[in-house]
PDB file of N, CA and C in Angstrom:
ATOM      1  N   MET A   1    -142.017  34.752 -23.944  1.00  0.00           N
ATOM      2  CA  MET A   1    -142.809  33.688 -24.532  1.00  0.00           C
ATOM      3  C   MET A   1    -143.197  34.010 -25.974  1.00  0.00           C
ATOM      4  N   SER A   2    -143.522  35.272 -26.235  1.00  0.00           N
ATOM      5  CA  SER A   2    -143.915  35.644 -27.587  1.00  0.00           C
ATOM      6  C   SER A   2    -142.733  35.549 -28.552  1.00  0.00           C
ATOM      7  N   THR A   3    -141.516  35.680 -28.023  1.00  0.00           N
ATOM      8  CA  THR A   3    -140.326  35.517 -28.859  1.00  0.00           C
ATOM      9  C   THR A   3    -140.273  34.117 -29.438  1.00  0.00           C
ATOM     10  N   TYR A   4    -140.527  33.124 -28.603  1.00  0.00           N
ATOM     11  CA  TYR A   4    -140.461  31.741 -29.050  1.00  0.00           C
ATOM     12  C   TYR A   4    -141.616  31.390 -29.986  1.00  0.00           C
ATOM     13  N   ILE A   5    -142.766  31.985 -29.767  1.00  0.00           N
ATOM     14  CA  ILE A   5    -143.904  31.744 -30.666  1.00  0.00           C
ATOM     15  C   ILE A   5    -143.598  32.303 -32.048  1.00  0.00           C
ATOM     16  N   LEU A   6    -143.093  33.537 -32.099  1.00  0.00           N
ATOM     17  CA  LEU A   6    -142.764  34.157 -33.383  1.00  0.00           C
ATOM     18  C   LEU A   6    -141.650  33.397 -34.090  1.00  0.00           C
ATOM     19  N   SER A   7    -140.581  33.095 -33.369  1.00  0.00           N
ATOM     20  CA  SER A   7    -139.447  32.435 -34.013  1.00  0.00           C
ATOM     21  C   SER A   7    -139.803  31.021 -34.467  1.00  0.00           C
ATOM     22  N   THR A   8    -140.608  30.313 -33.697  1.00  0.00           N
ATOM     23  CA  THR A   8    -141.031  28.977 -34.098  1.00  0.00           C
ATOM     24  C   THR A   8    -141.962  29.030 -35.305  1.00  0.00           C
ATOM     25  N   ALA A   9    -142.812  30.033 -35.362  1.00  0.00           N
ATOM     26  CA  ALA A   9    -143.691  30.184 -36.526  1.00  0.00           C
ATOM     27  C   ALA A   9    -142.881  30.472 -37.786  1.00  0.00           C
ATOM     28  N   VAL A  10    -141.873  31.328 -37.674  1.00  0.00           N
ATOM     29  CA  VAL A  10    -141.035  31.634 -38.832  1.00  0.00           C
ATOM     30  C   VAL A  10    -140.237  30.390 -39.249  1.00  0.00           C
ATOM     31  N   GLY A  11    -139.650  29.699 -38.278  1.00  0.00           N
ATOM     32  CA  GLY A  11    -138.892  28.485 -38.579  1.00  0.00           C
ATOM     33  C   GLY A  11    -139.758  27.385 -39.173  1.00  0.00           C
ATOM     34  N   SER A  12    -140.959  27.246 -38.665  1.00  0.00           N
ATOM     35  CA  SER A  12    -141.877  26.249 -39.219  1.00  0.00           C
ATOM     36  C   SER A  12    -142.281  26.606 -40.645  1.00  0.00           C
ATOM     37  N   GLY A  13    -142.477  27.886 -40.898  1.00  0.00           N
ATOM     38  CA  GLY A  13    -142.797  28.326 -42.250  1.00  0.00           C
ATOM     39  C   GLY A  13    -141.675  28.019 -43.225  1.00  0.00           C
ATOM     40  N   VAL A  14    -140.445  28.246 -42.794  1.00  0.00           N
ATOM     41  CA  VAL A  14    -139.292  27.928 -43.639  1.00  0.00           C
ATOM     42  C   VAL A  14    -139.239  26.428 -43.906  1.00  0.00           C
ATOM     43  N   SER A  15    -139.479  25.628 -42.877  1.00  0.00           N
ATOM     44  CA  SER A  15    -139.468  24.177 -43.048  1.00  0.00           C
ATOM     45  C   SER A  15    -140.545  23.716 -44.032  1.00  0.00           C
ATOM     46  N   VAL A  16    -141.723  24.267 -43.922  1.00  0.00           N
ATOM     47  CA  VAL A  16    -142.821  23.885 -44.819  1.00  0.00           C
ATOM     48  C   VAL A  16    -142.505  24.282 -46.258  1.00  0.00           C
ATOM     49  N   ILE A  17    -141.969  25.486 -46.451  1.00  0.00           N
ATOM     50  CA  ILE A  17    -141.607  25.926 -47.803  1.00  0.00           C
ATOM     51  C   ILE A  17    -140.532  25.023 -48.390  1.00  0.00           C
ATOM     52  N   LEU A  18    -139.537  24.664 -47.590  1.00  0.00           N
ATOM     53  CA  LEU A  18    -138.496  23.764 -48.078  1.00  0.00           C
ATOM     54  C   LEU A  18    -139.040  22.374 -48.367  1.00  0.00           C
ATOM     55  N   LEU A  19    -139.939  21.888 -47.526  1.00  0.00           N
ATOM     56  CA  LEU A  19    -140.537  20.576 -47.784  1.00  0.00           C
ATOM     57  C   LEU A  19    -141.305  20.564 -49.105  1.00  0.00           C
ATOM     58  N   LEU A  20    -142.059  21.618 -49.356  1.00  0.00           N
ATOM     59  CA  LEU A  20    -142.790  21.710 -50.623  1.00  0.00           C
ATOM     60  C   LEU A  20    -141.835  21.801 -51.808  1.00  0.00           C
ATOM     61  N   SER A  21    -140.766  22.560 -51.649  1.00  0.00           N
ATOM     62  CA  SER A  21    -139.776  22.676 -52.725  1.00  0.00           C
ATOM     63  C   SER A  21    -139.079  21.347 -52.988  1.00  0.00           C
ATOM     64  N   PHE A  22    -138.714  20.652 -51.914  1.00  0.00           N
ATOM     65  CA  PHE A  22    -138.051  19.363 -52.067  1.00  0.00           C
ATOM     66  C   PHE A  22    -138.993  18.329 -52.690  1.00  0.00           C
ATOM     67  N   ALA A  23    -140.260  18.389 -52.344  1.00  0.00           N
ATOM     68  CA  ALA A  23    -141.226  17.466 -52.948  1.00  0.00           C
ATOM     69  C   ALA A  23    -141.355  17.730 -54.448  1.00  0.00           C
ATOM     70  N   ALA A  24    -141.368  18.999 -54.819  1.00  0.00           N
ATOM     71  CA  ALA A  24    -141.436  19.336 -56.242  1.00  0.00           C
ATOM     72  C   ALA A  24    -140.177  18.882 -56.976  1.00  0.00           C
ATOM     73  N   LEU A  25    -139.020  19.043 -56.347  1.00  0.00           N
ATOM     74  CA  LEU A  25    -137.775  18.579 -56.965  1.00  0.00           C
ATOM     75  C   LEU A  25    -137.751  17.063 -57.106  1.00  0.00           C
ATOM     76  N   MET A  26    -138.230  16.375 -56.095  1.00  0.00           N
ATOM     77  CA  MET A  26    -138.276  14.914 -56.181  1.00  0.00           C
ATOM     78  C   MET A  26    -139.198  14.465 -57.301  1.00  0.00           C
ATOM     79  N   TYR A  27    -140.302  15.155 -57.458  1.00  0.00           N
ATOM     80  CA  TYR A  27    -141.239  14.811 -58.526  1.00  0.00           C
ATOM     81  C   TYR A  27    -140.647  15.138 -59.900  1.00  0.00           C
ATOM     82  N   ALA A  28    -140.026  16.310 -59.994  1.00  0.00           N
ATOM     83  CA  ALA A  28    -139.493  16.748 -61.284  1.00  0.00           C
ATOM     84  C   ALA A  28    -138.346  15.861 -61.760  1.00  0.00           C
ATOM     85  N   PHE A  29    -137.491  15.449 -60.844  1.00  0.00           N
ATOM     86  CA  PHE A  29    -136.333  14.634 -61.214  1.00  0.00           C
ATOM     87  C   PHE A  29    -136.557  13.147 -60.964  1.00  0.00           C
ATOM     88  N   THR A  30    -137.757  12.775 -60.575  1.00  0.00           N
ATOM     89  CA  THR A  30    -138.132  11.386 -60.259  1.00  0.00           C
ATOM     90  C   THR A  30    -137.077  10.693 -59.395  1.00  0.00           C
ATOM     91  N   LEU A  31    -136.785  11.330 -58.282  1.00  0.00           N
ATOM     92  CA  LEU A  31    -135.819  10.774 -57.337  1.00  0.00           C
ATOM     93  C   LEU A  31    -136.458   9.621 -56.563  1.00  0.00           C
ATOM     94  N   PRO A  32    -135.661   8.682 -56.105  1.00  0.00           N
ATOM     95  CA  PRO A  32    -136.204   7.573 -55.311  1.00  0.00           C
ATOM     96  C   PRO A  32    -136.808   8.071 -53.996  1.00  0.00           C
ATOM     97  N   LEU A  33    -137.731   7.309 -53.483  1.00  0.00           N
ATOM     98  CA  LEU A  33    -138.477   7.719 -52.296  1.00  0.00           C
ATOM     99  C   LEU A  33    -137.603   7.822 -51.045  1.00  0.00           C
ATOM    100  N   TYR A  34    -136.517   7.074 -50.987  1.00  0.00           N
ATOM    101  CA  TYR A  34    -135.704   7.110 -49.772  1.00  0.00           C
ATOM    102  C   TYR A  34    -134.981   8.449 -49.587  1.00  0.00           C
ATOM    103  N   PHE A  35    -134.910   9.287 -50.628  1.00  0.00           N
ATOM    104  CA  PHE A  35    -134.340  10.619 -50.478  1.00  0.00           C
ATOM    105  C   PHE A  35    -135.224  11.528 -49.623  1.00  0.00           C
ATOM    106  N   SER A  36    -136.486  11.208 -49.524  1.00  0.00           N
ATOM    107  CA  SER A  36    -137.414  12.079 -48.808  1.00  0.00           C
ATOM    108  C   SER A  36    -137.049  12.231 -47.333  1.00  0.00           C
ATOM    109  N   GLY A  37    -136.554  11.179 -46.725  1.00  0.00           N
ATOM    110  CA  GLY A  37    -136.153  11.264 -45.313  1.00  0.00           C
ATOM    111  C   GLY A  37    -134.999  12.229 -45.104  1.00  0.00           C
ATOM    112  N   TYR A  38    -134.029  12.184 -45.993  1.00  0.00           N
ATOM    113  CA  TYR A  38    -132.883  13.089 -45.890  1.00  0.00           C
ATOM    114  C   TYR A  38    -133.287  14.532 -46.143  1.00  0.00           C
ATOM    115  N   LEU A  39    -134.115  14.723 -47.151  1.00  0.00           N
ATOM    116  CA  LEU A  39    -134.551  16.080 -47.465  1.00  0.00           C
ATOM    117  C   LEU A  39    -135.444  16.656 -46.371  1.00  0.00           C
ATOM    118  N   ALA A  40    -136.253  15.819 -45.747  1.00  0.00           N
ATOM    119  CA  ALA A  40    -137.081  16.279 -44.633  1.00  0.00           C
ATOM    120  C   ALA A  40    -136.215  16.687 -43.445  1.00  0.00           C
ATOM    121  N   LEU A  41    -135.133  15.967 -43.217  1.00  0.00           N
ATOM    122  CA  LEU A  41    -134.220  16.308 -42.130  1.00  0.00           C
ATOM    123  C   LEU A  41    -133.500  17.627 -42.427  1.00  0.00           C
ATOM    124  N   VAL A  42    -133.148  17.860 -43.673  1.00  0.00           N
ATOM    125  CA  VAL A  42    -132.527  19.125 -44.062  1.00  0.00           C
ATOM    126  C   VAL A  42    -133.512  20.279 -43.856  1.00  0.00           C
ATOM    127  N   ALA A  43    -134.759  20.071 -44.222  1.00  0.00           N
ATOM    128  CA  ALA A  43    -135.774  21.112 -44.043  1.00  0.00           C
ATOM    129  C   ALA A  43    -135.997  21.412 -42.560  1.00  0.00           C
ATOM    130  N   LEU A  44    -136.014  20.372 -41.739  1.00  0.00           N
ATOM    131  CA  LEU A  44    -136.176  20.571 -40.294  1.00  0.00           C
ATOM    132  C   LEU A  44    -134.990  21.334 -39.727  1.00  0.00           C
ATOM    133  N   GLY A  45    -133.789  20.966 -40.128  1.00  0.00           N
ATOM    134  CA  GLY A  45    -132.602  21.659 -39.651  1.00  0.00           C
ATOM    135  C   GLY A  45    -132.566  23.113 -40.069  1.00  0.00           C
ATOM    136  N   ALA A  46    -132.940  23.383 -41.312  1.00  0.00           N
ATOM    137  CA  ALA A  46    -132.961  24.766 -41.789  1.00  0.00           C
ATOM    138  C   ALA A  46    -134.001  25.594 -41.032  1.00  0.00           C
ATOM    139  N   GLY A  47    -135.147  24.995 -40.757  1.00  0.00           N
ATOM    140  CA  GLY A  47    -136.164  25.695 -39.976  1.00  0.00           C
ATOM    141  C   GLY A  47    -135.697  25.997 -38.568  1.00  0.00           C
ATOM    142  N   CYS A  48    -134.957  25.071 -37.958  1.00  0.00           N
ATOM    143  CA  CYS A  48    -134.431  25.297 -36.607  1.00  0.00           C
ATOM    144  C   CYS A  48    -133.365  26.381 -36.600  1.00  0.00           C
ATOM    145  N   ILE A  49    -132.521  26.409 -37.631  1.00  0.00           N
ATOM    146  CA  ILE A  49    -131.520  27.478 -37.714  1.00  0.00           C
ATOM    147  C   ILE A  49    -132.200  28.840 -37.821  1.00  0.00           C
ATOM    148  N   VAL A  50    -133.188  28.942 -38.678  1.00  0.00           N
ATOM    149  CA  VAL A  50    -133.893  30.219 -38.851  1.00  0.00           C
ATOM    150  C   VAL A  50    -134.623  30.593 -37.563  1.00  0.00           C
ATOM    151  N   SER A  51    -135.234  29.630 -36.911  1.00  0.00           N
ATOM    152  CA  SER A  51    -135.926  29.887 -35.651  1.00  0.00           C
ATOM    153  C   SER A  51    -134.946  30.386 -34.592  1.00  0.00           C
ATOM    154  N   GLY A  52    -133.783  29.752 -34.499  1.00  0.00           N
ATOM    155  CA  GLY A  52    -132.774  30.187 -33.540  1.00  0.00           C
ATOM    156  C   GLY A  52    -132.233  31.569 -33.852  1.00  0.00           C
ATOM    157  N   ILE A  53    -132.041  31.864 -35.138  1.00  0.00           N
ATOM    158  CA  ILE A  53    -131.544  33.191 -35.526  1.00  0.00           C
ATOM    159  C   ILE A  53    -132.554  34.270 -35.151  1.00  0.00           C
ATOM    160  N   VAL A  54    -133.816  34.034 -35.435  1.00  0.00           N
ATOM    161  CA  VAL A  54    -134.849  35.033 -35.119  1.00  0.00           C
ATOM    162  C   VAL A  54    -134.929  35.254 -33.603  1.00  0.00           C
ATOM    163  N   ALA A  55    -134.947  34.173 -32.844  1.00  0.00           N
ATOM    164  CA  ALA A  55    -135.037  34.314 -31.386  1.00  0.00           C
ATOM    165  C   ALA A  55    -133.771  34.951 -30.817  1.00  0.00           C
ATOM    166  N   GLY A  56    -132.599  34.589 -31.352  1.00  0.00           N
ATOM    167  CA  GLY A  56    -131.348  35.170 -30.877  1.00  0.00           C
ATOM    168  C   GLY A  56    -131.258  36.655 -31.156  1.00  0.00           C
ATOM    169  N   ARG A  57    -131.761  37.062 -32.316  1.00  0.00           N
ATOM    170  CA  ARG A  57    -131.743  38.494 -32.635  1.00  0.00           C
ATOM    171  C   ARG A  57    -132.698  39.277 -31.747  1.00  0.00           C
ATOM    172  N   ILE A  58    -133.783  38.660 -31.332  1.00  0.00           N
ATOM    173  CA  ILE A  58    -134.732  39.352 -30.456  1.00  0.00           C
ATOM    174  C   ILE A  58    -134.194  39.412 -29.031  1.00  0.00           C
ATOM    175  N   LYS A  59    -133.695  38.275 -28.527  1.00  0.00           N
ATOM    176  CA  LYS A  59    -133.237  38.207 -27.136  1.00  0.00           C
ATOM    177  C   LYS A  59    -131.891  38.903 -26.915  1.00  0.00           C
ATOM    178  N   LYS A  60    -130.973  38.799 -27.872  1.00  0.00           N
ATOM    179  CA  LYS A  60    -129.648  39.421 -27.834  1.00  0.00           C
ATOM    180  C   LYS A  60    -128.733  38.900 -26.726  1.00  0.00           C
ATOM    181  N   ARG A  61    -129.045  37.758 -26.141  1.00  0.00           N
ATOM    182  CA  ARG A  61    -128.180  37.135 -25.124  1.00  0.00           C
ATOM    183  C   ARG A  61    -128.569  35.664 -24.982  1.00  0.00           C
ATOM    184  N   CYS A  62    -127.668  34.879 -24.406  1.00  0.00           N
ATOM    185  CA  CYS A  62    -127.903  33.448 -24.145  1.00  0.00           C
ATOM    186  C   CYS A  62    -128.283  32.704 -25.431  1.00  0.00           C
ATOM    187  N   GLY A  63    -127.443  32.816 -26.453  1.00  0.00           N
ATOM    188  CA  GLY A  63    -127.759  32.244 -27.749  1.00  0.00           C
ATOM    189  C   GLY A  63    -127.933  30.737 -27.736  1.00  0.00           C
ATOM    190  N   LEU A  64    -127.079  30.018 -26.993  1.00  0.00           N
ATOM    191  CA  LEU A  64    -127.207  28.563 -26.947  1.00  0.00           C
ATOM    192  C   LEU A  64    -128.531  28.143 -26.314  1.00  0.00           C
ATOM    193  N   LYS A  65    -128.877  28.789 -25.214  1.00  0.00           N
ATOM    194  CA  LYS A  65    -130.118  28.433 -24.520  1.00  0.00           C
ATOM    195  C   LYS A  65    -131.345  28.771 -25.355  1.00  0.00           C
ATOM    196  N   VAL A  66    -131.319  29.923 -25.979  1.00  0.00           N
ATOM    197  CA  VAL A  66    -132.445  30.351 -26.817  1.00  0.00           C
ATOM    198  C   VAL A  66    -132.603  29.414 -28.012  1.00  0.00           C
ATOM    199  N   GLY A  67    -131.483  29.091 -28.670  1.00  0.00           N
ATOM    200  CA  GLY A  67    -131.531  28.189 -29.811  1.00  0.00           C
ATOM    201  C   GLY A  67    -131.954  26.784 -29.428  1.00  0.00           C
ATOM    202  N   PHE A  68    -131.501  26.326 -28.263  1.00  0.00           N
ATOM    203  CA  PHE A  68    -131.901  25.004 -27.774  1.00  0.00           C
ATOM    204  C   PHE A  68    -133.410  24.955 -27.558  1.00  0.00           C
ATOM    205  N   ARG A  69    -133.947  25.982 -26.946  1.00  0.00           N
ATOM    206  CA  ARG A  69    -135.393  26.022 -26.704  1.00  0.00           C
ATOM    207  C   ARG A  69    -136.174  26.034 -28.016  1.00  0.00           C
ATOM    208  N   CYS A  70    -135.695  26.798 -28.977  1.00  0.00           N
ATOM    209  CA  CYS A  70    -136.368  26.823 -30.281  1.00  0.00           C
ATOM    210  C   CYS A  70    -136.341  25.447 -30.938  1.00  0.00           C
ATOM    211  N   GLY A  71    -135.199  24.770 -30.855  1.00  0.00           N
ATOM    212  CA  GLY A  71    -135.092  23.433 -31.425  1.00  0.00           C
ATOM    213  C   GLY A  71    -136.017  22.436 -30.759  1.00  0.00           C
ATOM    214  N   VAL A  72    -136.107  22.511 -29.442  1.00  0.00           N
ATOM    215  CA  VAL A  72    -136.985  21.588 -28.705  1.00  0.00           C
ATOM    216  C   VAL A  72    -138.447  21.860 -29.040  1.00  0.00           C
ATOM    217  N   ILE A  73    -138.807  23.122 -29.189  1.00  0.00           N
ATOM    218  CA  ILE A  73    -140.185  23.452 -29.559  1.00  0.00           C
ATOM    219  C   ILE A  73    -140.503  22.910 -30.955  1.00  0.00           C
ATOM    220  N   MET A  74    -139.555  23.068 -31.889  1.00  0.00           N
ATOM    221  CA  MET A  74    -139.762  22.535 -33.241  1.00  0.00           C
ATOM    222  C   MET A  74    -139.868  21.012 -33.218  1.00  0.00           C
ATOM    223  N   LEU A  75    -139.064  20.366 -32.386  1.00  0.00           N
ATOM    224  CA  LEU A  75    -139.141  18.911 -32.265  1.00  0.00           C
ATOM    225  C   LEU A  75    -140.490  18.477 -31.689  1.00  0.00           C
ATOM    226  N   ALA A  76    -140.977  19.232 -30.718  1.00  0.00           N
ATOM    227  CA  ALA A  76    -142.296  18.921 -30.157  1.00  0.00           C
ATOM    228  C   ALA A  76    -143.394  19.090 -31.205  1.00  0.00           C
ATOM    229  N   LEU A  77    -143.268  20.111 -32.049  1.00  0.00           N
ATOM    230  CA  LEU A  77    -144.250  20.287 -33.125  1.00  0.00           C
ATOM    231  C   LEU A  77    -144.214  19.118 -34.106  1.00  0.00           C
ATOM    232  N   CYS A  78    -143.016  18.619 -34.386  1.00  0.00           N
ATOM    233  CA  CYS A  78    -142.896  17.441 -35.270  1.00  0.00           C
ATOM    234  C   CYS A  78    -143.552  16.223 -34.632  1.00  0.00           C
ATOM    235  N   ALA A  79    -143.370  16.060 -33.335  1.00  0.00           N
ATOM    236  CA  ALA A  79    -143.973  14.920 -32.641  1.00  0.00           C
ATOM    237  C   ALA A  79    -145.494  15.016 -32.647  1.00  0.00           C
ATOM    238  N   VAL A  80    -146.017  16.213 -32.426  1.00  0.00           N
ATOM    239  CA  VAL A  80    -147.469  16.402 -32.463  1.00  0.00           C
ATOM    240  C   VAL A  80    -148.000  16.136 -33.871  1.00  0.00           C
ATOM    241  N   GLY A  81    -147.282  16.637 -34.883  1.00  0.00           N
ATOM    242  CA  GLY A  81    -147.691  16.373 -36.263  1.00  0.00           C
ATOM    243  C   GLY A  81    -147.666  14.894 -36.603  1.00  0.00           C
ATOM    244  N   ALA A  82    -146.666  14.169 -36.085  1.00  0.00           N
ATOM    245  CA  ALA A  82    -146.595  12.732 -36.328  1.00  0.00           C
ATOM    246  C   ALA A  82    -147.746  12.004 -35.641  1.00  0.00           C
ATOM    247  N   LEU A  83    -148.123  12.469 -34.473  1.00  0.00           N
ATOM    248  CA  LEU A  83    -149.254  11.848 -33.779  1.00  0.00           C
ATOM    249  C   LEU A  83    -150.566  12.100 -34.509  1.00  0.00           C
ATOM    250  N   ILE A  84    -150.722  13.294 -35.049  1.00  0.00           N
ATOM    251  CA  ILE A  84    -151.977  13.647 -35.703  1.00  0.00           C
ATOM    252  C   ILE A  84    -152.091  13.004 -37.085  1.00  0.00           C
ATOM    253  N   PHE A  85    -151.027  13.093 -37.889  1.00  0.00           N
ATOM    254  CA  PHE A  85    -151.098  12.683 -39.287  1.00  0.00           C
ATOM    255  C   PHE A  85    -150.528  11.315 -39.585  1.00  0.00           C
ATOM    256  N   GLY A  86    -149.882  10.719 -38.662  1.00  0.00           N
ATOM    257  CA  GLY A  86    -149.260   9.428 -38.949  1.00  0.00           C
ATOM    258  C   GLY A  86    -149.085   8.641 -37.679  1.00  0.00           C
ATOM    259  N   LYS A  87    -147.934   8.023 -37.593  1.00  0.00           N
ATOM    260  CA  LYS A  87    -147.644   7.272 -36.386  1.00  0.00           C
ATOM    261  C   LYS A  87    -146.307   7.723 -35.835  1.00  0.00           C
ATOM    262  N   LEU A  88    -146.207   7.725 -34.551  1.00  0.00           N
ATOM    263  CA  LEU A  88    -144.994   8.136 -33.858  1.00  0.00           C
ATOM    264  C   LEU A  88    -144.278   6.869 -33.416  1.00  0.00           C
ATOM    265  N   ASP A  89    -143.347   6.405 -34.253  1.00  0.00           N
ATOM    266  CA  ASP A  89    -142.675   5.147 -33.930  1.00  0.00           C
ATOM    267  C   ASP A  89    -141.303   5.345 -33.312  1.00  0.00           C
ATOM    268  N   GLY A  90    -140.726   6.519 -33.434  1.00  0.00           N
ATOM    269  CA  GLY A  90    -139.452   6.804 -32.795  1.00  0.00           C
ATOM    270  C   GLY A  90    -138.248   6.233 -33.517  1.00  0.00           C
ATOM    271  N   SER A  91    -138.412   5.815 -34.758  1.00  0.00           N
ATOM    272  CA  SER A  91    -137.304   5.203 -35.485  1.00  0.00           C
ATOM    273  C   SER A  91    -136.178   6.196 -35.769  1.00  0.00           C
ATOM    274  N   ALA A  92    -136.500   7.433 -36.009  1.00  0.00           N
ATOM    275  CA  ALA A  92    -135.479   8.447 -36.285  1.00  0.00           C
ATOM    276  C   ALA A  92    -135.442   9.518 -35.206  1.00  0.00           C
ATOM    277  N   ALA A  93    -135.893   9.185 -34.015  1.00  0.00           N
ATOM    278  CA  ALA A  93    -135.987  10.185 -32.949  1.00  0.00           C
ATOM    279  C   ALA A  93    -134.618  10.719 -32.548  1.00  0.00           C
ATOM    280  N   LEU A  94    -133.630   9.848 -32.452  1.00  0.00           N
ATOM    281  CA  LEU A  94    -132.301  10.297 -32.041  1.00  0.00           C
ATOM    282  C   LEU A  94    -131.683  11.209 -33.092  1.00  0.00           C
ATOM    283  N   VAL A  95    -131.825  10.860 -34.345  1.00  0.00           N
ATOM    284  CA  VAL A  95    -131.272  11.686 -35.426  1.00  0.00           C
ATOM    285  C   VAL A  95    -131.955  13.053 -35.461  1.00  0.00           C
ATOM    286  N   LYS A  96    -133.267  13.068 -35.321  1.00  0.00           N
ATOM    287  CA  LYS A  96    -133.993  14.333 -35.321  1.00  0.00           C
ATOM    288  C   LYS A  96    -133.635  15.179 -34.113  1.00  0.00           C
ATOM    289  N   THR A  97    -133.501  14.536 -32.955  1.00  0.00           N
ATOM    290  CA  THR A  97    -133.155  15.275 -31.737  1.00  0.00           C
ATOM    291  C   THR A  97    -131.780  15.908 -31.860  1.00  0.00           C
ATOM    292  N   ILE A  98    -130.813  15.160 -32.334  1.00  0.00           N
ATOM    293  CA  ILE A  98    -129.464  15.708 -32.509  1.00  0.00           C
ATOM    294  C   ILE A  98    -129.475  16.839 -33.526  1.00  0.00           C
ATOM    295  N   THR A  99    -130.215  16.664 -34.601  1.00  0.00           N
ATOM    296  CA  THR A  99    -130.279  17.694 -35.643  1.00  0.00           C
ATOM    297  C   THR A  99    -130.878  18.988 -35.122  1.00  0.00           C
ATOM    298  N   VAL A 100    -132.010  18.904 -34.425  1.00  0.00           N
ATOM    299  CA  VAL A 100    -132.653  20.139 -33.960  1.00  0.00           C
ATOM    300  C   VAL A 100    -131.853  20.817 -32.860  1.00  0.00           C
ATOM    301  N   VAL A 101    -131.187  20.053 -32.017  1.00  0.00           N
ATOM    302  CA  VAL A 101    -130.393  20.669 -30.956  1.00  0.00           C
ATOM    303  C   VAL A 101    -129.185  21.394 -31.548  1.00  0.00           C
ATOM    304  N   ILE A 102    -128.468  20.733 -32.440  1.00  0.00           N
ATOM    305  CA  ILE A 102    -127.282  21.365 -33.019  1.00  0.00           C
ATOM    306  C   ILE A 102    -127.651  22.566 -33.881  1.00  0.00           C
ATOM    307  N   THR A 103    -128.627  22.414 -34.757  1.00  0.00           N
ATOM    308  CA  THR A 103    -128.979  23.523 -35.644  1.00  0.00           C
ATOM    309  C   THR A 103    -129.659  24.664 -34.888  1.00  0.00           C
ATOM    310  N   GLY A 104    -130.481  24.336 -33.901  1.00  0.00           N
ATOM    311  CA  GLY A 104    -131.110  25.389 -33.101  1.00  0.00           C
ATOM    312  C   GLY A 104    -130.087  26.185 -32.312  1.00  0.00           C
ATOM    313  N   CYS A 105    -129.139  25.493 -31.687  1.00  0.00           N
ATOM    314  CA  CYS A 105    -128.091  26.186 -30.934  1.00  0.00           C
ATOM    315  C   CYS A 105    -127.216  27.031 -31.846  1.00  0.00           C
ATOM    316  N   CYS A 106    -126.860  26.505 -33.002  1.00  0.00           N
ATOM    317  CA  CYS A 106    -126.068  27.288 -33.960  1.00  0.00           C
ATOM    318  C   CYS A 106    -126.829  28.533 -34.402  1.00  0.00           C
ATOM    319  N   GLY A 107    -128.106  28.384 -34.680  1.00  0.00           N
ATOM    320  CA  GLY A 107    -128.915  29.532 -35.068  1.00  0.00           C
ATOM    321  C   GLY A 107    -129.015  30.571 -33.969  1.00  0.00           C
ATOM    322  N   GLY A 108    -129.157  30.120 -32.726  1.00  0.00           N
ATOM    323  CA  GLY A 108    -129.214  31.061 -31.604  1.00  0.00           C
ATOM    324  C   GLY A 108    -127.929  31.842 -31.444  1.00  0.00           C
ATOM    325  N   VAL A 109    -126.797  31.174 -31.577  1.00  0.00           N
ATOM    326  CA  VAL A 109    -125.504  31.849 -31.467  1.00  0.00           C
ATOM    327  C   VAL A 109    -125.308  32.831 -32.618  1.00  0.00           C
ATOM    328  N   ILE A 110    -125.688  32.422 -33.821  1.00  0.00           N
ATOM    329  CA  ILE A 110    -125.577  33.322 -34.972  1.00  0.00           C
ATOM    330  C   ILE A 110    -126.458  34.553 -34.766  1.00  0.00           C
ATOM    331  N   GLY A 111    -127.676  34.342 -34.282  1.00  0.00           N
ATOM    332  CA  GLY A 111    -128.593  35.459 -34.078  1.00  0.00           C
ATOM    333  C   GLY A 111    -128.121  36.437 -33.012  1.00  0.00           C
ATOM    334  N   VAL A 112    -127.535  35.921 -31.938  1.00  0.00           N
ATOM    335  CA  VAL A 112    -127.056  36.799 -30.866  1.00  0.00           C
ATOM    336  C   VAL A 112    -125.835  37.599 -31.334  1.00  0.00           C
ATOM    337  N   ASN A 113    -124.958  36.983 -32.087  1.00  0.00           N
ATOM    338  CA  ASN A 113    -123.724  37.625 -32.496  1.00  0.00           C
ATOM    339  C   ASN A 113    -123.855  38.475 -33.755  1.00  0.00           C
ATOM    340  N   ARG A 114    -125.024  38.507 -34.312  1.00  0.00           N
ATOM    341  CA  ARG A 114    -125.241  39.289 -35.525  1.00  0.00           C
ATOM    342  C   ARG A 114    -125.366  40.763 -35.177  1.00  0.00           C
ATOM    343  N   LYS A 115    -124.688  41.605 -35.919  1.00  0.00           N
ATOM    344  CA  LYS A 115    -124.661  43.043 -35.615  1.00  0.00           C
ATOM    345  C   LYS A 115    -125.903  43.772 -36.103  1.00  0.00           C
ATOM    346  N   ARG A 116    -126.370  43.440 -37.298  1.00  0.00           N
ATOM    347  CA  ARG A 116    -127.507  44.157 -37.869  1.00  0.00           C
ATOM    348  C   ARG A 116    -128.743  43.353 -37.810  1.00  0.00           C
TER     349      ARG A 116
END
């Protein structure tokens, strides 16, 4: 259980740092607002990959399952954040679900197969 807490915290931290960086880039280059959805999805995916890698390196087996669990936990955190800070309308739920499952599983496999 502590593996998933640590890996989710690291993945969430990466996502937050990327979100802040993307917001600064959007402001600096005055990008249109519709880019924010794509950049937020990239940040979520990157956080899930990092979360899966960390958990896979700790567990050292069952990379797909470990990465899937990390992705689902990150998705649940996004849902809780949407409930607290905004509204949970489900308009991009399928896209987010597919993104976190694929990136989390890839991260888990990478983490398990990593030598160092």
